[in-house]
């Protein structure tokens, strides 16, 4: 089976003063072609703090619930390797494509790949592999030594062999991780089957032939959160881009669809928005932080301006797909105890949580071709991975276009 990228994004660096906070770039996916947000690799290296700043407003302390007991119907598991708020899996790659000639690279080459539901195409950093070096591509479109080429590999062992896969070359040398990031596994893989991330027990599960029934998941204390039209194993079911970008020039969105990324309804301080669940957004410095667009900010201010306070000292700067161009992430600190709720089916509250800070993504004309929630005209957000880490487990089910998360 061949896995070929439809569009791609690299991980973004978010650089708050002296800190490095990491976010993936889950933005517009084309049908057939869309703006590409590749993250615009920023190679400025800044040491992360050893501990988060208490002034950043950690979520209210509360007794931690026992982890959910997940039913056996979620499938089989492999180990999850945590780094900050993100999770990695070890992938074995060959690269000889079955070639038994004298130049064949037949030995399996392991690499740690980020599980990123906030990216809809997968990548590889060929400089990130330990000796004897990276897997050998069967072929490449472009210069494999530079970011942006598409290289093909066979085999690719992630819960078994996937056949020939196409990965976009990237450079993650700027990351400060406990794990050397060899690449990203995005939703070009992660929308094929239901996947479960079990943070507490550090496992990732892929569904068997028959996935769980609703009764089994409800019985495990999980709530279904709808992601219809945004996360699916059938890209023909994705919503048109015009649903989230109301542009007077219809040609600007014609033929485009939203990214195939788990995007769910949430409320923050009682204001509704669409939120991408971004497991690649490492918000370890300011946990329970949320990237939002201008439309969301204006509705928050209109609802109750006392719920958030502009705090320039916490601003971030985010790289874009345009080399050398950064965009401001303007910080607004949320009032203590501000509710962030996951809206379940039937407009019920599937999970109650609290947020600490929102970063408003600056809209730059020079970066519009990159796409992004900042280009959306409806209220939109990207949620940091710490929300899911604290939930202890989350099930992403593209077959029913839902996310299952423990009730709280």
Foldseek 3Di string as FASTA:
>chain_A
DEQEDQAWAAKWWKFQPQATWTFTFQFFGFLRHAQAWHRQDDQDAHDHDPAFDVVLPAADDDDADDAFDADPQLADKDFWDDKQLWTWGKKWFAAQLPDPDPPGRGDTFIAIATEKLSIAAKAFAQQQGDPVGGHHFPDWADDLNDFAIWTWTPFIADVHTDGIYIHTYDDPPRDDIPGRHGMYDYVSPPLQFKWKQQLVVRMITTGDPDHDDPVSLVVSQKFKFFQFQQAANDVVRHAFPCVFFVDPPVVNRPRTGIHNHRWTWKDWLRRIAIEGATSRGRPSNNAQEKEKAPLQVVVVCVVPVVQWAFDQSRKIWMGTSDHPDIWIFTKIFGDHPTWMFRQGPPRHTRAITHHTIYTYTDDDPVRVSNGHNNNTNTIYMYTHSNVQVSLSMKMQGNHRRIIITRYD
